[in-house]
């Protein structure tokens, strides 16, 4: 089966949801709920940690945050497109390219060996 592994960054979750919601879907006749008609795997990573926080144990053995983690400004989404030759055109502007796998992969698929 052909697949395309892509990584994307958006200004926020709402911007990502707009494109995700525009993908093919159907409506359940009984409940009115929408469900995807596509086989693409979409993982919302959110604002990923770019600098880990620092923590120490207090006198009770509990971890206490001493330095807060720093999160990315952009909202990250990974997509494993399945059954298509190219990503949808409206997604291309949000695609990022990184050197390694980043913080997430699909089923052991190596992003950096696409």
N, C-alpha and C. Protein backbone atom coordinates (compact mmCIF):
# COMPACT_ATOMS: atom_id res chain seq x y z
N UNK A 1 0.85 -1.18 0.00
CA UNK A 1 0.00 0.00 0.00
C UNK A 1 0.89 1.24 0.00
N UNK A 2 0.56 2.19 -0.85
CA UNK A 2 1.37 3.39 -0.86
C UNK A 2 0.94 4.34 0.25
N UNK A 3 1.91 5.01 0.80
CA UNK A 3 1.63 5.99 1.85
C UNK A 3 2.65 7.12 1.75
N UNK A 4 2.25 8.25 2.29
CA UNK A 4 3.11 9.43 2.31
C UNK A 4 3.10 9.96 3.74
N UNK A 5 4.27 10.06 4.35
CA UNK A 5 4.40 10.56 5.73
C UNK A 5 4.83 12.02 5.64
N UNK A 6 3.98 12.91 6.17
CA UNK A 6 4.27 14.35 6.15
C UNK A 6 4.08 14.94 7.55
N UNK A 7 4.81 16.03 7.79
CA UNK A 7 4.72 16.77 9.05
C UNK A 7 4.29 18.19 8.73
N UNK A 8 3.44 18.74 9.61
CA UNK A 8 2.86 20.07 9.38
C UNK A 8 2.91 20.91 10.64
N UNK A 9 2.96 22.23 10.42
CA UNK A 9 2.85 23.18 11.53
C UNK A 9 1.80 24.22 11.18
N UNK A 10 0.96 24.52 12.16
CA UNK A 10 -0.12 25.49 12.03
C UNK A 10 0.02 26.54 13.13
N UNK A 11 -0.67 27.63 12.98
CA UNK A 11 -0.62 28.66 14.03
C UNK A 11 -1.28 28.18 15.31
N UNK A 12 -2.33 27.36 15.18
CA UNK A 12 -3.02 26.85 16.36
C UNK A 12 -3.85 25.63 15.97
N UNK A 13 -4.49 25.02 16.95
CA UNK A 13 -5.28 23.82 16.71
C UNK A 13 -6.46 24.09 15.79
N UNK A 14 -7.07 25.25 15.92
CA UNK A 14 -8.23 25.58 15.08
C UNK A 14 -7.85 25.60 13.59
N UNK A 15 -6.67 26.10 13.27
CA UNK A 15 -6.21 26.12 11.88
C UNK A 15 -6.00 24.69 11.37
N UNK A 16 -5.46 23.82 12.21
CA UNK A 16 -5.28 22.42 11.83
C UNK A 16 -6.63 21.74 11.64
N UNK A 17 -7.54 21.98 12.58
CA UNK A 17 -8.87 21.36 12.51
C UNK A 17 -9.63 21.76 11.25
N UNK A 18 -9.42 22.96 10.79
CA UNK A 18 -10.10 23.43 9.58
C UNK A 18 -9.75 22.53 8.39
N UNK A 19 -8.47 22.19 8.24
CA UNK A 19 -8.08 21.32 7.13
C UNK A 19 -8.47 19.86 7.39
N UNK A 20 -8.35 19.42 8.63
CA UNK A 20 -8.74 18.05 8.96
C UNK A 20 -10.24 17.85 8.70
N UNK A 21 -11.04 18.82 9.11
CA UNK A 21 -12.49 18.72 8.93
C UNK A 21 -12.90 18.80 7.46
N UNK A 22 -12.05 19.36 6.62
CA UNK A 22 -12.36 19.46 5.18
C UNK A 22 -12.08 18.16 4.43
N UNK A 23 -11.42 17.19 5.08
CA UNK A 23 -11.18 15.90 4.45
C UNK A 23 -12.51 15.15 4.31
N UNK A 24 -12.59 14.20 3.37
CA UNK A 24 -13.86 13.49 3.14
C UNK A 24 -14.43 12.88 4.42
N UNK A 25 -15.73 13.05 4.60
CA UNK A 25 -16.42 12.50 5.76
C UNK A 25 -17.88 12.21 5.39
N UNK A 26 -18.53 11.45 6.24
CA UNK A 26 -19.95 11.14 6.09
C UNK A 26 -20.64 11.42 7.41
N UNK A 27 -21.96 11.48 7.34
CA UNK A 27 -22.74 11.75 8.54
C UNK A 27 -23.53 10.50 8.90
N UNK A 28 -23.48 10.12 10.17
CA UNK A 28 -24.28 9.01 10.66
C UNK A 28 -25.75 9.44 10.63
N UNK A 29 -26.60 8.66 9.95
CA UNK A 29 -27.99 9.04 9.78
C UNK A 29 -28.76 9.09 11.10
N UNK A 30 -28.39 8.25 12.05
CA UNK A 30 -29.10 8.20 13.32
C UNK A 30 -28.65 9.28 14.29
N UNK A 31 -27.33 9.46 14.41
CA UNK A 31 -26.81 10.39 15.43
C UNK A 31 -26.46 11.76 14.88
N UNK A 32 -26.27 11.85 13.57
CA UNK A 32 -25.86 13.12 12.98
C UNK A 32 -24.37 13.40 13.14
N UNK A 33 -23.64 12.47 13.78
CA UNK A 33 -22.20 12.65 13.97
C UNK A 33 -21.46 12.45 12.66
N UNK A 34 -20.38 13.21 12.50
CA UNK A 34 -19.54 13.07 11.32
C UNK A 34 -18.42 12.08 11.61
N UNK A 35 -18.07 11.28 10.62
CA UNK A 35 -16.95 10.37 10.74
C UNK A 35 -16.17 10.38 9.43
N UNK A 36 -14.86 10.16 9.51
CA UNK A 36 -14.03 10.24 8.30
C UNK A 36 -14.32 9.11 7.33
N UNK A 37 -14.29 9.43 6.04
CA UNK A 37 -14.39 8.44 4.97
C UNK A 37 -13.02 8.03 4.44
N UNK A 38 -11.99 8.67 4.91
CA UNK A 38 -10.64 8.43 4.41
C UNK A 38 -9.90 7.47 5.32
N UNK A 39 -8.77 6.97 4.83
CA UNK A 39 -7.95 6.03 5.60
C UNK A 39 -6.67 6.68 6.14
N UNK A 40 -6.57 8.00 6.02
CA UNK A 40 -5.38 8.71 6.48
C UNK A 40 -5.29 8.66 8.01
N UNK A 41 -4.08 8.54 8.52
CA UNK A 41 -3.85 8.57 9.97
C UNK A 41 -3.36 9.97 10.34
N UNK A 42 -4.05 10.61 11.26
CA UNK A 42 -3.73 11.99 11.64
C UNK A 42 -3.46 12.01 13.14
N UNK A 43 -2.30 12.55 13.51
CA UNK A 43 -1.94 12.67 14.92
C UNK A 43 -1.67 14.13 15.23
N UNK A 44 -2.46 14.67 16.14
CA UNK A 44 -2.26 16.05 16.60
C UNK A 44 -1.22 16.02 17.71
N UNK A 45 -0.05 16.54 17.42
CA UNK A 45 1.02 16.56 18.41
C UNK A 45 0.93 17.77 19.31
N UNK A 46 0.26 18.81 18.85
CA UNK A 46 0.12 20.02 19.64
C UNK A 46 1.38 20.87 19.61
N UNK A 47 1.56 21.64 20.65
CA UNK A 47 2.75 22.49 20.79
C UNK A 47 3.83 21.61 21.44
N UNK A 48 4.75 21.13 20.63
CA UNK A 48 5.74 20.18 21.14
C UNK A 48 6.78 20.88 22.02
N UNK A 49 7.39 20.12 22.88
CA UNK A 49 8.42 20.64 23.78
C UNK A 49 9.71 20.85 22.98
N UNK A 50 10.21 22.09 23.00
CA UNK A 50 11.48 22.37 22.33
C UNK A 50 12.64 22.42 23.32
N UNK A 51 12.35 22.73 24.58
CA UNK A 51 13.35 22.69 25.64
C UNK A 51 12.69 22.02 26.85
N UNK A 52 13.21 20.87 27.27
CA UNK A 52 12.60 20.18 28.40
C UNK A 52 12.65 21.00 29.70
N UNK A 53 11.68 20.76 30.53
CA UNK A 53 11.69 21.38 31.85
C UNK A 53 12.70 20.71 32.75
N UNK A 54 12.92 21.33 33.89
CA UNK A 54 13.83 20.74 34.89
C UNK A 54 13.03 20.48 36.16
N UNK A 55 13.36 19.37 36.82
CA UNK A 55 12.60 18.93 37.99
C UNK A 55 13.55 18.42 39.06
N UNK A 56 13.15 18.61 40.31
CA UNK A 56 13.90 18.10 41.45
C UNK A 56 12.93 17.44 42.41
N UNK A 57 13.44 16.51 43.19
CA UNK A 57 12.60 15.91 44.22
C UNK A 57 12.61 16.78 45.46
N UNK A 58 11.43 16.96 46.05
CA UNK A 58 11.36 17.70 47.30
C UNK A 58 11.60 16.73 48.47
N UNK A 59 11.48 17.21 49.70
CA UNK A 59 11.77 16.38 50.87
C UNK A 59 10.82 15.19 51.02
N UNK A 60 9.65 15.25 50.34
CA UNK A 60 8.69 14.13 50.38
C UNK A 60 8.88 13.16 49.21
N UNK A 61 9.89 13.41 48.39
CA UNK A 61 10.13 12.54 47.24
C UNK A 61 9.30 12.88 46.02
N UNK A 62 8.52 13.95 46.10
CA UNK A 62 7.69 14.38 44.96
C UNK A 62 8.52 15.22 44.00
N UNK A 63 8.27 15.06 42.69
CA UNK A 63 8.96 15.89 41.70
C UNK A 63 8.34 17.28 41.68
N UNK A 64 9.20 18.28 41.70
CA UNK A 64 8.78 19.67 41.67
C UNK A 64 9.45 20.33 40.47
N UNK A 65 8.65 21.02 39.68
CA UNK A 65 9.20 21.71 38.52
C UNK A 65 10.02 22.92 38.97
N UNK A 66 11.28 22.96 38.53
CA UNK A 66 12.13 24.10 38.86
C UNK A 66 12.27 25.05 37.67
N UNK A 67 12.17 24.50 36.47
CA UNK A 67 12.18 25.30 35.25
C UNK A 67 11.12 24.72 34.32
N UNK A 68 10.20 25.57 33.88
CA UNK A 68 9.13 25.11 33.01
C UNK A 68 9.67 24.73 31.63
N UNK A 69 9.07 23.73 30.99
CA UNK A 69 9.47 23.41 29.63
C UNK A 69 9.07 24.54 28.69
N UNK A 70 9.80 24.66 27.59
CA UNK A 70 9.48 25.66 26.58
C UNK A 70 8.79 24.93 25.43
N UNK A 71 7.61 25.42 25.06
CA UNK A 71 6.84 24.81 23.98
C UNK A 71 7.00 25.59 22.69
N UNK A 72 6.87 24.90 21.57
CA UNK A 72 6.93 25.54 20.26
C UNK A 72 5.75 26.49 20.10
N UNK A 73 5.95 27.54 19.34
CA UNK A 73 4.86 28.48 19.05
C UNK A 73 3.81 27.85 18.16
N UNK A 74 4.25 27.01 17.22
CA UNK A 74 3.34 26.41 16.25
C UNK A 74 2.73 25.11 16.76
N UNK A 75 1.58 24.77 16.19
CA UNK A 75 0.84 23.56 16.53
C UNK A 75 1.19 22.48 15.49
N UNK A 76 1.72 21.35 15.93
CA UNK A 76 2.22 20.32 15.03
C UNK A 76 1.22 19.19 14.81
N UNK A 77 1.21 18.71 13.57
CA UNK A 77 0.35 17.59 13.18
C UNK A 77 1.15 16.69 12.24
N UNK A 78 1.10 15.39 12.47
CA UNK A 78 1.69 14.41 11.56
C UNK A 78 0.56 13.70 10.84
N UNK A 79 0.76 13.45 9.54
CA UNK A 79 -0.26 12.74 8.75
C UNK A 79 0.42 11.64 7.94
N UNK A 80 -0.17 10.46 7.99
CA UNK A 80 0.22 9.38 7.11
C UNK A 80 -0.89 9.27 6.07
N UNK A 81 -0.63 9.88 4.91
CA UNK A 81 -1.60 9.87 3.81
C UNK A 81 -1.57 8.48 3.19
N UNK A 82 -2.74 7.89 2.99
CA UNK A 82 -2.80 6.54 2.44
C UNK A 82 -3.70 6.51 1.20
N UNK A 83 -3.23 5.81 0.19
CA UNK A 83 -4.02 5.62 -1.01
C UNK A 83 -4.05 6.81 -1.95
N UNK A 84 -3.15 7.76 -1.77
CA UNK A 84 -3.06 8.90 -2.67
C UNK A 84 -1.60 9.09 -3.07
N UNK A 85 -1.38 9.72 -4.19
CA UNK A 85 -0.02 9.93 -4.70
C UNK A 85 0.64 11.18 -4.14
N UNK A 86 -0.16 12.20 -3.82
CA UNK A 86 0.35 13.47 -3.29
C UNK A 86 -0.56 13.95 -2.17
N UNK A 87 0.01 14.75 -1.29
CA UNK A 87 -0.80 15.35 -0.23
C UNK A 87 -1.83 16.29 -0.86
N UNK A 88 -2.95 16.54 -0.19
CA UNK A 88 -3.91 17.51 -0.72
C UNK A 88 -3.24 18.89 -0.87
N UNK A 89 -3.58 19.56 -1.94
CA UNK A 89 -2.93 20.83 -2.28
C UNK A 89 -3.04 21.87 -1.16
N UNK A 90 -4.18 21.92 -0.47
CA UNK A 90 -4.35 22.93 0.57
C UNK A 90 -3.51 22.66 1.83
N UNK A 91 -2.91 21.49 1.93
CA UNK A 91 -2.03 21.17 3.06
C UNK A 91 -0.58 21.59 2.80
N UNK A 92 -0.19 21.74 1.55
CA UNK A 92 1.21 21.95 1.19
C UNK A 92 1.84 23.17 1.86
N UNK A 93 1.09 24.23 2.04
CA UNK A 93 1.63 25.46 2.63
C UNK A 93 2.04 25.27 4.09
N UNK A 94 1.54 24.23 4.75
CA UNK A 94 1.81 24.00 6.17
C UNK A 94 2.86 22.92 6.41
N UNK A 95 3.32 22.29 5.33
CA UNK A 95 4.30 21.22 5.46
C UNK A 95 5.64 21.76 5.94
N UNK A 96 6.26 20.99 6.83
CA UNK A 96 7.62 21.29 7.26
C UNK A 96 8.49 20.09 6.92
N UNK A 97 9.77 20.30 6.80
CA UNK A 97 10.72 19.22 6.54
C UNK A 97 11.75 19.26 7.65
N UNK A 98 11.95 18.11 8.29
CA UNK A 98 12.94 18.01 9.35
C UNK A 98 13.94 16.92 8.98
N UNK A 99 15.06 16.90 9.67
CA UNK A 99 16.14 15.97 9.35
C UNK A 99 15.94 14.57 9.93
N UNK A 100 15.21 14.46 11.02
CA UNK A 100 15.06 13.16 11.67
C UNK A 100 13.57 12.84 11.81
N UNK A 101 13.23 11.94 12.71
CA UNK A 101 11.83 11.56 12.92
C UNK A 101 11.06 12.55 13.77
N UNK A 102 11.74 13.45 14.44
CA UNK A 102 11.03 14.34 15.35
C UNK A 102 10.53 13.58 16.56
N UNK A 103 9.39 13.99 17.08
CA UNK A 103 8.87 13.38 18.31
C UNK A 103 7.88 12.25 18.05
N UNK A 104 7.61 11.95 16.76
CA UNK A 104 6.57 10.96 16.47
C UNK A 104 6.84 10.25 15.15
N UNK A 105 6.48 8.97 15.08
CA UNK A 105 6.48 8.21 13.83
C UNK A 105 5.19 7.40 13.77
N UNK A 106 4.91 6.83 12.60
CA UNK A 106 3.76 5.95 12.42
C UNK A 106 4.25 4.52 12.23
N UNK A 107 3.83 3.60 13.10
CA UNK A 107 4.05 2.18 12.91
C UNK A 107 5.50 1.84 12.57
N UNK A 108 6.44 2.60 13.09
CA UNK A 108 7.83 2.35 12.81
C UNK A 108 8.30 2.85 11.46
N UNK A 109 7.45 3.58 10.74
CA UNK A 109 7.85 4.16 9.45
C UNK A 109 8.81 5.30 9.74
N UNK A 110 9.97 5.25 9.13
CA UNK A 110 11.01 6.25 9.37
C UNK A 110 10.77 7.46 8.48
N UNK A 111 10.39 8.59 9.06
CA UNK A 111 10.12 9.82 8.30
C UNK A 111 11.34 10.25 7.49
N UNK A 112 12.51 10.16 8.08
CA UNK A 112 13.72 10.66 7.43
C UNK A 112 14.16 9.80 6.23
N UNK A 113 13.54 8.64 6.03
CA UNK A 113 13.87 7.78 4.89
C UNK A 113 12.74 7.72 3.87
N UNK A 114 12.03 8.81 3.69
CA UNK A 114 10.88 8.82 2.80
C UNK A 114 11.25 8.61 1.36
